[in-house]
Structures are given as C-alpha cells and as structure tokens.
Amino acid sequence: MDIEPMDNFESKLRQALERRTAPPSLKRKVLEQRSRLRTQRLRARTEMWQRLAASMALAAALGGGFAWRNREERLKGEAARAQVLTALRITARALNQMNEVLASHDGAGQE
C-alpha cells in the first residue's frame, strides 16, 4: 500500500520536472509585460513630479498671497499713520492759533 502512493508521487514529480519547450508566444508575452511595467513606472514617476510641481506652485501662490496681504496691511498702516500725523499737525496748529487769540484777548484785557 505504501509503495503505490510513493510511485504516484514520483511519477507526478518526474512529470513536473520534465523539460518542455517554451510556447512560441512566451517571449512576446514577457517582452510585452516588461514594456507595460516600464510604462507604468514612467507614468508613476511623471505623476509624482507633476504632483510635486503642483504642490510647489500652490505653496508659491499661497506664499505670494500672504506676502501681498502683509504688504497691503503695512501700506494701510502707513496711510493711517500719515493721517493721524496730519490730524495732529492740524490740531496743534488750531491750538496754537487759539492760544494766540486768547493771549491777545488777555493782553487787551490787561491794558
């Protein structure tokens, strides 16, 4: 009983290890698969570079937007500062004129 399964196993093993000629389409299939894999790798690399370029463009656009916003804020601040200084000069001039008027009235009243 033990001999028959062993013989069956050996014959299956012999069949599996027996040298056979390759089918005629094997070379074509291997070359097509290699070409397909190269194309996929190239596409993946191209996609990666495109994503990287898009990320860099987005980062540059965001950075430019923030820089522009900061510049606008600074310009608005400088304009507000100039307006405040102008208002202070006008106020100081008006106060000086008022002091001159009061001083002239005080001087006229003392005489």
PDB file of N, CA and C in Angstrom:
ATOM      1  N   MET A   1       0.812  -1.190   0.000  1.00  0.00           N
ATOM      2  CA  MET A   1       0.000   0.000   0.000  1.00  0.00           C
ATOM      3  C   MET A   1       0.862   1.263   0.000  1.00  0.00           C
ATOM      4  N   ASP A   2       1.894   1.291   0.749  1.00  0.00           N
ATOM      5  CA  ASP A   2       2.762   2.457   0.830  1.00  0.00           C
ATOM      6  C   ASP A   2       3.562   2.655  -0.458  1.00  0.00           C
ATOM      7  N   ILE A   3       3.742   1.640  -1.207  1.00  0.00           N
ATOM      8  CA  ILE A   3       4.556   1.728  -2.423  1.00  0.00           C
ATOM      9  C   ILE A   3       3.795   2.465  -3.514  1.00  0.00           C
ATOM     10  N   GLU A   4       2.526   2.210  -3.678  1.00  0.00           N
ATOM     11  CA  GLU A   4       1.760   2.841  -4.754  1.00  0.00           C
ATOM     12  C   GLU A   4       1.698   4.364  -4.606  1.00  0.00           C
ATOM     13  N   PRO A   5       1.351   4.951  -3.453  1.00  0.00           N
ATOM     14  CA  PRO A   5       1.337   6.424  -3.355  1.00  0.00           C
ATOM     15  C   PRO A   5       2.716   7.026  -3.619  1.00  0.00           C
ATOM     16  N   MET A   6       3.780   6.312  -3.207  1.00  0.00           N
ATOM     17  CA  MET A   6       5.132   6.820  -3.443  1.00  0.00           C
ATOM     18  C   MET A   6       5.444   6.802  -4.931  1.00  0.00           C
ATOM     19  N   ASP A   7       5.041   5.757  -5.628  1.00  0.00           N
ATOM     20  CA  ASP A   7       5.264   5.680  -7.075  1.00  0.00           C
ATOM     21  C   ASP A   7       4.455   6.775  -7.774  1.00  0.00           C
ATOM     22  N   ASN A   8       3.241   6.985  -7.318  1.00  0.00           N
ATOM     23  CA  ASN A   8       2.378   8.028  -7.895  1.00  0.00           C
ATOM     24  C   ASN A   8       3.019   9.413  -7.685  1.00  0.00           C
ATOM     25  N   PHE A   9       3.539   9.628  -6.495  1.00  0.00           N
ATOM     26  CA  PHE A   9       4.204  10.899  -6.195  1.00  0.00           C
ATOM     27  C   PHE A   9       5.431  11.090  -7.075  1.00  0.00           C
ATOM     28  N   GLU A  10       6.232  10.043  -7.214  1.00  0.00           N
ATOM     29  CA  GLU A  10       7.447  10.134  -8.030  1.00  0.00           C
ATOM     30  C   GLU A  10       7.111  10.403  -9.496  1.00  0.00           C
ATOM     31  N   SER A  11       6.073   9.777  -9.984  1.00  0.00           N
ATOM     32  CA  SER A  11       5.715   9.998 -11.396  1.00  0.00           C
ATOM     33  C   SER A  11       5.200  11.431 -11.603  1.00  0.00           C
ATOM     34  N   LYS A  12       4.438  11.935 -10.650  1.00  0.00           N
ATOM     35  CA  LYS A  12       3.975  13.337 -10.750  1.00  0.00           C
ATOM     36  C   LYS A  12       5.155  14.297 -10.666  1.00  0.00           C
ATOM     37  N   LEU A  13       6.099  14.000  -9.765  1.00  0.00           N
ATOM     38  CA  LEU A  13       7.289  14.823  -9.625  1.00  0.00           C
ATOM     39  C   LEU A  13       8.118  14.787 -10.898  1.00  0.00           C
ATOM     40  N   ARG A  14       8.271  13.641 -11.488  1.00  0.00           N
ATOM     41  CA  ARG A  14       9.027  13.486 -12.728  1.00  0.00           C
ATOM     42  C   ARG A  14       8.365  14.283 -13.855  1.00  0.00           C
ATOM     43  N   GLN A  15       7.051  14.237 -13.928  1.00  0.00           N
ATOM     44  CA  GLN A  15       6.323  14.993 -14.954  1.00  0.00           C
ATOM     45  C   GLN A  15       6.499  16.498 -14.752  1.00  0.00           C
ATOM     46  N   ALA A  16       6.456  16.911 -13.484  1.00  0.00           N
ATOM     47  CA  ALA A  16       6.581  18.341 -13.198  1.00  0.00           C
ATOM     48  C   ALA A  16       7.984  18.860 -13.530  1.00  0.00           C
ATOM     49  N   LEU A  17       8.991  18.031 -13.321  1.00  0.00           N
ATOM     50  CA  LEU A  17      10.376  18.450 -13.555  1.00  0.00           C
ATOM     51  C   LEU A  17      10.856  18.174 -14.970  1.00  0.00           C
ATOM     52  N   GLU A  18      10.043  17.565 -15.774  1.00  0.00           N
ATOM     53  CA  GLU A  18      10.424  17.228 -17.141  1.00  0.00           C
ATOM     54  C   GLU A  18      10.613  18.490 -17.978  1.00  0.00           C
ATOM     55  N   ARG A  19      11.663  18.531 -18.771  1.00  0.00           N
ATOM     56  CA  ARG A  19      11.972  19.701 -19.596  1.00  0.00           C
ATOM     57  C   ARG A  19      10.990  19.787 -20.754  1.00  0.00           C
ATOM     58  N   ARG A  20      10.433  20.984 -20.911  1.00  0.00           N
ATOM     59  CA  ARG A  20       9.492  21.212 -22.009  1.00  0.00           C
ATOM     60  C   ARG A  20       9.946  22.451 -22.775  1.00  0.00           C
ATOM     61  N   THR A  21       9.622  22.500 -24.025  1.00  0.00           N
ATOM     62  CA  THR A  21       9.957  23.693 -24.812  1.00  0.00           C
ATOM     63  C   THR A  21       8.959  24.792 -24.468  1.00  0.00           C
ATOM     64  N   ALA A  22       9.446  26.014 -24.527  1.00  0.00           N
ATOM     65  CA  ALA A  22       8.592  27.163 -24.208  1.00  0.00           C
ATOM     66  C   ALA A  22       7.602  27.390 -25.341  1.00  0.00           C
ATOM     67  N   PRO A  23       6.402  27.823 -25.006  1.00  0.00           N
ATOM     68  CA  PRO A  23       5.441  28.117 -26.067  1.00  0.00           C
ATOM     69  C   PRO A  23       5.947  29.291 -26.913  1.00  0.00           C
ATOM     70  N   PRO A  24       5.588  29.324 -28.173  1.00  0.00           N
ATOM     71  CA  PRO A  24       6.111  30.373 -29.062  1.00  0.00           C
ATOM     72  C   PRO A  24       5.708  31.792 -28.613  1.00  0.00           C
ATOM     73  N   SER A  25       4.612  31.938 -27.929  1.00  0.00           N
ATOM     74  CA  SER A  25       4.148  33.267 -27.544  1.00  0.00           C
ATOM     75  C   SER A  25       4.762  33.754 -26.221  1.00  0.00           C
ATOM     76  N   LEU A  26       5.561  32.920 -25.565  1.00  0.00           N
ATOM     77  CA  LEU A  26       6.105  33.283 -24.248  1.00  0.00           C
ATOM     78  C   LEU A  26       7.026  34.504 -24.336  1.00  0.00           C
ATOM     79  N   LYS A  27       7.918  34.528 -25.315  1.00  0.00           N
ATOM     80  CA  LYS A  27       8.845  35.637 -25.454  1.00  0.00           C
ATOM     81  C   LYS A  27       8.075  36.950 -25.672  1.00  0.00           C
ATOM     82  N   ARG A  28       7.078  36.912 -26.536  1.00  0.00           N
ATOM     83  CA  ARG A  28       6.273  38.095 -26.808  1.00  0.00           C
ATOM     84  C   ARG A  28       5.560  38.557 -25.537  1.00  0.00           C
ATOM     85  N   LYS A  29       5.000  37.622 -24.772  1.00  0.00           N
ATOM     86  CA  LYS A  29       4.299  37.969 -23.534  1.00  0.00           C
ATOM     87  C   LYS A  29       5.248  38.591 -22.508  1.00  0.00           C
ATOM     88  N   VAL A  30       6.447  38.027 -22.394  1.00  0.00           N
ATOM     89  CA  VAL A  30       7.428  38.550 -21.441  1.00  0.00           C
ATOM     90  C   VAL A  30       7.844  39.961 -21.839  1.00  0.00           C
ATOM     91  N   LEU A  31       8.110  40.170 -23.128  1.00  0.00           N
ATOM     92  CA  LEU A  31       8.504  41.496 -23.596  1.00  0.00           C
ATOM     93  C   LEU A  31       7.368  42.506 -23.434  1.00  0.00           C
ATOM     94  N   GLU A  32       6.146  42.086 -23.699  1.00  0.00           N
ATOM     95  CA  GLU A  32       5.001  42.982 -23.514  1.00  0.00           C
ATOM     96  C   GLU A  32       4.832  43.367 -22.047  1.00  0.00           C
ATOM     97  N   GLN A  33       4.996  42.376 -21.178  1.00  0.00           N
ATOM     98  CA  GLN A  33       4.861  42.651 -19.752  1.00  0.00           C
ATOM     99  C   GLN A  33       5.960  43.603 -19.284  1.00  0.00           C
ATOM    100  N   ARG A  34       7.184  43.391 -19.760  1.00  0.00           N
ATOM    101  CA  ARG A  34       8.289  44.276 -19.397  1.00  0.00           C
ATOM    102  C   ARG A  34       8.013  45.701 -19.881  1.00  0.00           C
ATOM    103  N   SER A  35       7.530  45.812 -21.090  1.00  0.00           N
ATOM    104  CA  SER A  35       7.199  47.122 -21.644  1.00  0.00           C
ATOM    105  C   SER A  35       6.078  47.782 -20.843  1.00  0.00           C
ATOM    106  N   ARG A  36       5.076  47.002 -20.485  1.00  0.00           N
ATOM    107  CA  ARG A  36       3.954  47.518 -19.706  1.00  0.00           C
ATOM    108  C   ARG A  36       4.435  48.001 -18.323  1.00  0.00           C
ATOM    109  N   LEU A  37       5.323  47.246 -17.689  1.00  0.00           N
ATOM    110  CA  LEU A  37       5.854  47.637 -16.386  1.00  0.00           C
ATOM    111  C   LEU A  37       6.691  48.909 -16.493  1.00  0.00           C
ATOM    112  N   ARG A  38       7.500  49.020 -17.549  1.00  0.00           N
ATOM    113  CA  ARG A  38       8.288  50.242 -17.756  1.00  0.00           C
ATOM    114  C   ARG A  38       7.367  51.444 -17.926  1.00  0.00           C
ATOM    115  N   THR A  39       6.321  51.273 -18.705  1.00  0.00           N
ATOM    116  CA  THR A  39       5.363  52.361 -18.932  1.00  0.00           C
ATOM    117  C   THR A  39       4.695  52.760 -17.630  1.00  0.00           C
ATOM    118  N   GLN A  40       4.318  51.789 -16.824  1.00  0.00           N
ATOM    119  CA  GLN A  40       3.679  52.081 -15.542  1.00  0.00           C
ATOM    120  C   GLN A  40       4.633  52.832 -14.610  1.00  0.00           C
ATOM    121  N   ARG A  41       5.907  52.407 -14.574  1.00  0.00           N
ATOM    122  CA  ARG A  41       6.885  53.085 -13.719  1.00  0.00           C
ATOM    123  C   ARG A  41       7.121  54.518 -14.206  1.00  0.00           C
ATOM    124  N   LEU A  42       7.225  54.680 -15.525  1.00  0.00           N
ATOM    125  CA  LEU A  42       7.424  56.013 -16.090  1.00  0.00           C
ATOM    126  C   LEU A  42       6.224  56.904 -15.785  1.00  0.00           C
ATOM    127  N   ARG A  43       5.033  56.365 -15.927  1.00  0.00           N
ATOM    128  CA  ARG A  43       3.815  57.121 -15.636  1.00  0.00           C
ATOM    129  C   ARG A  43       3.775  57.511 -14.155  1.00  0.00           C
ATOM    130  N   ALA A  44       4.156  56.572 -13.288  1.00  0.00           N
ATOM    131  CA  ALA A  44       4.149  56.853 -11.848  1.00  0.00           C
ATOM    132  C   ALA A  44       5.161  57.950 -11.512  1.00  0.00           C
ATOM    133  N   ARG A  45       6.358  57.888 -12.130  1.00  0.00           N
ATOM    134  CA  ARG A  45       7.368  58.921 -11.894  1.00  0.00           C
ATOM    135  C   ARG A  45       6.887  60.275 -12.395  1.00  0.00           C
ATOM    136  N   THR A  46       6.292  60.277 -13.584  1.00  0.00           N
ATOM    137  CA  THR A  46       5.781  61.521 -14.160  1.00  0.00           C
ATOM    138  C   THR A  46       4.694  62.097 -13.262  1.00  0.00           C
ATOM    139  N   GLU A  47       3.814  61.246 -12.787  1.00  0.00           N
ATOM    140  CA  GLU A  47       2.737  61.676 -11.895  1.00  0.00           C
ATOM    141  C   GLU A  47       3.306  62.281 -10.608  1.00  0.00           C
ATOM    142  N   MET A  48       4.343  61.648 -10.078  1.00  0.00           N
ATOM    143  CA  MET A  48       4.961  62.133  -8.848  1.00  0.00           C
ATOM    144  C   MET A  48       5.551  63.532  -9.081  1.00  0.00           C
ATOM    145  N   TRP A  49       6.269  63.718 -10.190  1.00  0.00           N
ATOM    146  CA  TRP A  49       6.856  65.020 -10.491  1.00  0.00           C
ATOM    147  C   TRP A  49       5.773  66.068 -10.727  1.00  0.00           C
ATOM    148  N   GLN A  50       4.689  65.678 -11.366  1.00  0.00           N
ATOM    149  CA  GLN A  50       3.593  66.616 -11.591  1.00  0.00           C
ATOM    150  C   GLN A  50       2.974  67.040 -10.264  1.00  0.00           C
ATOM    151  N   ARG A  51       2.785  66.088  -9.378  1.00  0.00           N
ATOM    152  CA  ARG A  51       2.230  66.412  -8.055  1.00  0.00           C
ATOM    153  C   ARG A  51       3.173  67.321  -7.276  1.00  0.00           C
ATOM    154  N   LEU A  52       4.468  67.017  -7.371  1.00  0.00           N
ATOM    155  CA  LEU A  52       5.454  67.847  -6.686  1.00  0.00           C
ATOM    156  C   LEU A  52       5.442  69.272  -7.251  1.00  0.00           C
ATOM    157  N   ALA A  53       5.392  69.394  -8.569  1.00  0.00           N
ATOM    158  CA  ALA A  53       5.347  70.719  -9.201  1.00  0.00           C
ATOM    159  C   ALA A  53       4.070  71.464  -8.816  1.00  0.00           C
ATOM    160  N   ALA A  54       2.949  70.754  -8.789  1.00  0.00           N
ATOM    161  CA  ALA A  54       1.689  71.386  -8.402  1.00  0.00           C
ATOM    162  C   ALA A  54       1.743  71.835  -6.945  1.00  0.00           C
ATOM    163  N   SER A  55       2.337  71.034  -6.084  1.00  0.00           N
ATOM    164  CA  SER A  55       2.467  71.402  -4.670  1.00  0.00           C
ATOM    165  C   SER A  55       3.342  72.637  -4.517  1.00  0.00           C
ATOM    166  N   MET A  56       4.435  72.674  -5.272  1.00  0.00           N
ATOM    167  CA  MET A  56       5.330  73.831  -5.193  1.00  0.00           C
ATOM    168  C   MET A  56       4.633  75.090  -5.729  1.00  0.00           C
ATOM    169  N   ALA A  57       3.871  74.941  -6.806  1.00  0.00           N
ATOM    170  CA  ALA A  57       3.144  76.090  -7.362  1.00  0.00           C
ATOM    171  C   ALA A  57       2.098  76.584  -6.360  1.00  0.00           C
ATOM    172  N   LEU A  58       1.420  75.660  -5.717  1.00  0.00           N
ATOM    173  CA  LEU A  58       0.427  76.038  -4.705  1.00  0.00           C
ATOM    174  C   LEU A  58       1.093  76.740  -3.526  1.00  0.00           C
ATOM    175  N   ALA A  59       2.226  76.202  -3.080  1.00  0.00           N
ATOM    176  CA  ALA A  59       2.949  76.822  -1.961  1.00  0.00           C
ATOM    177  C   ALA A  59       3.421  78.226  -2.351  1.00  0.00           C
ATOM    178  N   ALA A  60       3.915  78.370  -3.584  1.00  0.00           N
ATOM    179  CA  ALA A  60       4.360  79.693  -4.035  1.00  0.00           C
ATOM    180  C   ALA A  60       3.181  80.669  -4.111  1.00  0.00           C
ATOM    181  N   ALA A  61       2.051  80.190  -4.609  1.00  0.00           N
ATOM    182  CA  ALA A  61       0.869  81.055  -4.701  1.00  0.00           C
ATOM    183  C   ALA A  61       0.399  81.476  -3.311  1.00  0.00           C
ATOM    184  N   LEU A  62       0.365  80.550  -2.373  1.00  0.00           N
ATOM    185  CA  LEU A  62      -0.038  80.887  -1.011  1.00  0.00           C
ATOM    186  C   LEU A  62       0.949  81.852  -0.368  1.00  0.00           C
ATOM    187  N   GLY A  63       2.237  81.581  -0.567  1.00  0.00           N
ATOM    188  CA  GLY A  63       3.255  82.481  -0.021  1.00  0.00           C
ATOM    189  C   GLY A  63       3.151  83.870  -0.619  1.00  0.00           C
ATOM    190  N   GLY A  64       2.935  83.940  -1.922  1.00  0.00           N
ATOM    191  CA  GLY A  64       2.756  85.234  -2.580  1.00  0.00           C
ATOM    192  C   GLY A  64       1.519  85.949  -2.075  1.00  0.00           C
ATOM    193  N   GLY A  65       0.451  85.205  -1.860  1.00  0.00           N
ATOM    194  CA  GLY A  65      -0.777  85.794  -1.327  1.00  0.00           C
ATOM    195  C   GLY A  65      -0.571  86.371   0.060  1.00  0.00           C
ATOM    196  N   PHE A  66       0.123  85.630   0.906  1.00  0.00           N
ATOM    197  CA  PHE A  66       0.396  86.131   2.253  1.00  0.00           C
ATOM    198  C   PHE A  66       1.306  87.354   2.207  1.00  0.00           C
ATOM    199  N   ALA A  67       2.315  87.316   1.326  1.00  0.00           N
ATOM    200  CA  ALA A  67       3.220  88.465   1.204  1.00  0.00           C
ATOM    201  C   ALA A  67       2.447  89.684   0.712  1.00  0.00           C
ATOM    202  N   TRP A  68       1.578  89.492  -0.261  1.00  0.00           N
ATOM    203  CA  TRP A  68       0.778  90.600  -0.792  1.00  0.00           C
ATOM    204  C   TRP A  68      -0.123  91.168   0.295  1.00  0.00           C
ATOM    205  N   ARG A  69      -0.755  90.272   1.060  1.00  0.00           N
ATOM    206  CA  ARG A  69      -1.647  90.708   2.148  1.00  0.00           C
ATOM    207  C   ARG A  69      -0.870  91.499   3.194  1.00  0.00           C
ATOM    208  N   ASN A  70       0.311  90.996   3.565  1.00  0.00           N
ATOM    209  CA  ASN A  70       1.134  91.711   4.546  1.00  0.00           C
ATOM    210  C   ASN A  70       1.535  93.082   4.019  1.00  0.00           C
ATOM    211  N   ARG A  71       1.881  93.158   2.738  1.00  0.00           N
ATOM    212  CA  ARG A  71       2.259  94.436   2.138  1.00  0.00           C
ATOM    213  C   ARG A  71       1.081  95.402   2.168  1.00  0.00           C
ATOM    214  N   GLU A  72      -0.104  94.904   1.816  1.00  0.00           N
ATOM    215  CA  GLU A  72      -1.297  95.746   1.832  1.00  0.00           C
ATOM    216  C   GLU A  72      -1.588  96.253   3.244  1.00  0.00           C
ATOM    217  N   GLU A  73      -1.458  95.367   4.223  1.00  0.00           N
ATOM    218  CA  GLU A  73      -1.687  95.758   5.612  1.00  0.00           C
ATOM    219  C   GLU A  73      -0.677  96.826   6.039  1.00  0.00           C
ATOM    220  N   ARG A  74       0.581  96.639   5.648  1.00  0.00           N
ATOM    221  CA  ARG A  74       1.610  97.609   6.003  1.00  0.00           C
ATOM    222  C   ARG A  74       1.317  98.965   5.357  1.00  0.00           C
ATOM    223  N   LEU A  75       0.926  98.933   4.073  1.00  0.00           N
ATOM    224  CA  LEU A  75       0.594 100.193   3.387  1.00  0.00           C
ATOM    225  C   LEU A  75      -0.599 100.883   4.031  1.00  0.00           C
ATOM    226  N   LYS A  76      -1.610 100.113   4.417  1.00  0.00           N
ATOM    227  CA  LYS A  76      -2.764 100.702   5.110  1.00  0.00           C
ATOM    228  C   LYS A  76      -2.341 101.307   6.443  1.00  0.00           C
ATOM    229  N   GLY A  77      -1.461 100.615   7.159  1.00  0.00           N
ATOM    230  CA  GLY A  77      -0.964 101.123   8.435  1.00  0.00           C
ATOM    231  C   GLY A  77      -0.185 102.413   8.259  1.00  0.00           C
ATOM    232  N   GLU A  78       0.653 102.452   7.214  1.00  0.00           N
ATOM    233  CA  GLU A  78       1.418 103.674   6.955  1.00  0.00           C
ATOM    234  C   GLU A  78       0.492 104.824   6.571  1.00  0.00           C
ATOM    235  N   ALA A  79      -0.550 104.529   5.786  1.00  0.00           N
ATOM    236  CA  ALA A  79      -1.511 105.576   5.407  1.00  0.00           C
ATOM    237  C   ALA A  79      -2.258 106.079   6.642  1.00  0.00           C
ATOM    238  N   ALA A  80      -2.659 105.173   7.514  1.00  0.00           N
ATOM    239  CA  ALA A  80      -3.356 105.569   8.743  1.00  0.00           C
ATOM    240  C   ALA A  80      -2.430 106.416   9.625  1.00  0.00           C
ATOM    241  N   ARG A  81      -1.174 106.032   9.702  1.00  0.00           N
ATOM    242  CA  ARG A  81      -0.199 106.794  10.495  1.00  0.00           C
ATOM    243  C   ARG A  81      -0.053 108.207   9.929  1.00  0.00           C
ATOM    244  N   ALA A  82       0.039 108.304   8.601  1.00  0.00           N
ATOM    245  CA  ALA A  82       0.160 109.624   7.969  1.00  0.00           C
ATOM    246  C   ALA A  82      -1.080 110.475   8.254  1.00  0.00           C
ATOM    247  N   GLN A  83      -2.267 109.849   8.222  1.00  0.00           N
ATOM    248  CA  GLN A  83      -3.497 110.591   8.514  1.00  0.00           C
ATOM    249  C   GLN A  83      -3.510 111.077   9.955  1.00  0.00           C
ATOM    250  N   VAL A  84      -3.068 110.235  10.881  1.00  0.00           N
ATOM    251  CA  VAL A  84      -3.032 110.622  12.293  1.00  0.00           C
ATOM    252  C   VAL A  84      -2.053 111.771  12.487  1.00  0.00           C
ATOM    253  N   LEU A  85      -0.872 111.689  11.845  1.00  0.00           N
ATOM    254  CA  LEU A  85       0.109 112.768  11.974  1.00  0.00           C
ATOM    255  C   LEU A  85      -0.430 114.076  11.386  1.00  0.00           C
ATOM    256  N   THR A  86      -1.136 113.989  10.240  1.00  0.00           N
ATOM    257  CA  THR A  86      -1.740 115.175   9.651  1.00  0.00           C
ATOM    258  C   THR A  86      -2.782 115.760  10.595  1.00  0.00           C
ATOM    259  N   ALA A  87      -3.616 114.905  11.170  1.00  0.00           N
ATOM    260  CA  ALA A  87      -4.637 115.369  12.120  1.00  0.00           C
ATOM    261  C   ALA A  87      -3.984 116.025  13.329  1.00  0.00           C
ATOM    262  N   LEU A  88      -2.888 115.455  13.813  1.00  0.00           N
ATOM    263  CA  LEU A  88      -2.184 116.043  14.959  1.00  0.00           C
ATOM    264  C   LEU A  88      -1.580 117.403  14.595  1.00  0.00           C
ATOM    265  N   ARG A  89      -1.022 117.537  13.401  1.00  0.00           N
ATOM    266  CA  ARG A  89      -0.470 118.833  12.971  1.00  0.00           C
ATOM    267  C   ARG A  89      -1.576 119.874  12.867  1.00  0.00           C
ATOM    268  N   ILE A  90      -2.724 119.477  12.298  1.00  0.00           N
ATOM    269  CA  ILE A  90      -3.856 120.405  12.173  1.00  0.00           C
ATOM    270  C   ILE A  90      -4.331 120.832  13.558  1.00  0.00           C
ATOM    271  N   THR A  91      -4.444 119.847  14.456  1.00  0.00           N
ATOM    272  CA  THR A  91      -4.889 120.134  15.813  1.00  0.00           C
ATOM    273  C   THR A  91      -3.894 121.049  16.519  1.00  0.00           C
ATOM    274  N   ALA A  92      -2.617 120.769  16.368  1.00  0.00           N
ATOM    275  CA  ALA A  92      -1.590 121.598  17.009  1.00  0.00           C
ATOM    276  C   ALA A  92      -1.638 123.020  16.463  1.00  0.00           C
ATOM    277  N   ARG A  93      -1.818 123.155  15.165  1.00  0.00           N
ATOM    278  CA  ARG A  93      -1.899 124.485  14.553  1.00  0.00           C
ATOM    279  C   ARG A  93      -3.137 125.245  15.069  1.00  0.00           C
ATOM    280  N   ALA A  94      -4.271 124.516  15.120  1.00  0.00           N
ATOM    281  CA  ALA A  94      -5.502 125.144  15.623  1.00  0.00           C
ATOM    282  C   ALA A  94      -5.326 125.568  17.073  1.00  0.00           C
ATOM    283  N   LEU A  95      -4.696 124.727  17.891  1.00  0.00           N
ATOM    284  CA  LEU A  95      -4.459 125.080  19.295  1.00  0.00           C
ATOM    285  C   LEU A  95      -3.524 126.283  19.403  1.00  0.00           C
ATOM    286  N   ASN A  96      -2.497 126.309  18.578  1.00  0.00           N
ATOM    287  CA  ASN A  96      -1.581 127.464  18.602  1.00  0.00           C
ATOM    288  C   ASN A  96      -2.326 128.742  18.216  1.00  0.00           C
ATOM    289  N   GLN A  97      -3.185 128.680  17.208  1.00  0.00           N
ATOM    290  CA  GLN A  97      -3.963 129.851  16.806  1.00  0.00           C
ATOM    291  C   GLN A  97      -4.900 130.291  17.947  1.00  0.00           C
ATOM    292  N   MET A  98      -5.521 129.291  18.584  1.00  0.00           N
ATOM    293  CA  MET A  98      -6.434 129.588  19.696  1.00  0.00           C
ATOM    294  C   MET A  98      -5.663 130.219  20.848  1.00  0.00           C
ATOM    295  N   ASN A  99      -4.479 129.714  21.138  1.00  0.00           N
ATOM    296  CA  ASN A  99      -3.649 130.280  22.200  1.00  0.00           C
ATOM    297  C   ASN A  99      -3.258 131.719  21.866  1.00  0.00           C
ATOM    298  N   GLU A 100      -2.956 131.976  20.570  1.00  0.00           N
ATOM    299  CA  GLU A 100      -2.620 133.341  20.161  1.00  0.00           C
ATOM    300  C   GLU A 100      -3.814 134.282  20.352  1.00  0.00           C
ATOM    301  N   VAL A 101      -5.007 133.784  19.975  1.00  0.00           N
ATOM    302  CA  VAL A 101      -6.218 134.596  20.136  1.00  0.00           C
ATOM    303  C   VAL A 101      -6.465 134.863  21.607  1.00  0.00           C
ATOM    304  N   LEU A 102      -6.364 133.822  22.437  1.00  0.00           N
ATOM    305  CA  LEU A 102      -6.570 134.003  23.885  1.00  0.00           C
ATOM    306  C   LEU A 102      -5.511 134.912  24.477  1.00  0.00           C
ATOM    307  N   ALA A 103      -4.301 134.769  24.027  1.00  0.00           N
ATOM    308  CA  ALA A 103      -3.220 135.616  24.542  1.00  0.00           C
ATOM    309  C   ALA A 103      -3.460 137.063  24.146  1.00  0.00           C
ATOM    310  N   SER A 104      -3.974 137.307  22.933  1.00  0.00           N
ATOM    311  CA  SER A 104      -4.241 138.677  22.503  1.00  0.00           C
ATOM    312  C   SER A 104      -5.414 139.271  23.284  1.00  0.00           C
ATOM    313  N   HIS A 105      -6.410 138.421  23.601  1.00  0.00           N
ATOM    314  CA  HIS A 105      -7.542 138.893  24.406  1.00  0.00           C
ATOM    315  C   HIS A 105      -7.093 139.176  25.836  1.00  0.00           C
ATOM    316  N   ASP A 106      -6.237 138.306  26.374  1.00  0.00           N
ATOM    317  CA  ASP A 106      -5.732 138.516  27.720  1.00  0.00           C
ATOM    318  C   ASP A 106      -4.875 139.769  27.771  1.00  0.00           C
ATOM    319  N   GLY A 107      -4.101 139.979  26.730  1.00  0.00           N
ATOM    320  CA  GLY A 107      -3.243 141.173  26.669  1.00  0.00           C
ATOM    321  C   GLY A 107      -4.061 142.423  26.520  1.00  0.00           C
ATOM    322  N   ALA A 108      -5.159 142.371  25.782  1.00  0.00           N
ATOM    323  CA  ALA A 108      -6.018 143.525  25.582  1.00  0.00           C
ATOM    324  C   ALA A 108      -6.793 143.797  26.855  1.00  0.00           C
ATOM    325  N   GLY A 109      -7.135 142.796  27.598  1.00  0.00           N
ATOM    326  CA  GLY A 109      -7.909 142.947  28.824  1.00  0.00           C
ATOM    327  C   GLY A 109      -7.058 143.515  29.951  1.00  0.00           C
ATOM    328  N   GLN A 110      -5.784 143.259  29.942  1.00  0.00           N
ATOM    329  CA  GLN A 110      -4.886 143.729  30.986  1.00  0.00           C
ATOM    330  C   GLN A 110      -4.561 145.209  30.791  1.00  0.00           C
ATOM    331  N   GLU A 111      -4.646 145.779  29.668  1.00  0.00           N
ATOM    332  CA  GLU A 111      -4.292 147.154  29.409  1.00  0.00           C
ATOM    333  C   GLU A 111      -5.277 148.080  29.904  1.00  0.00           C
TER     334      GLU A 111
END
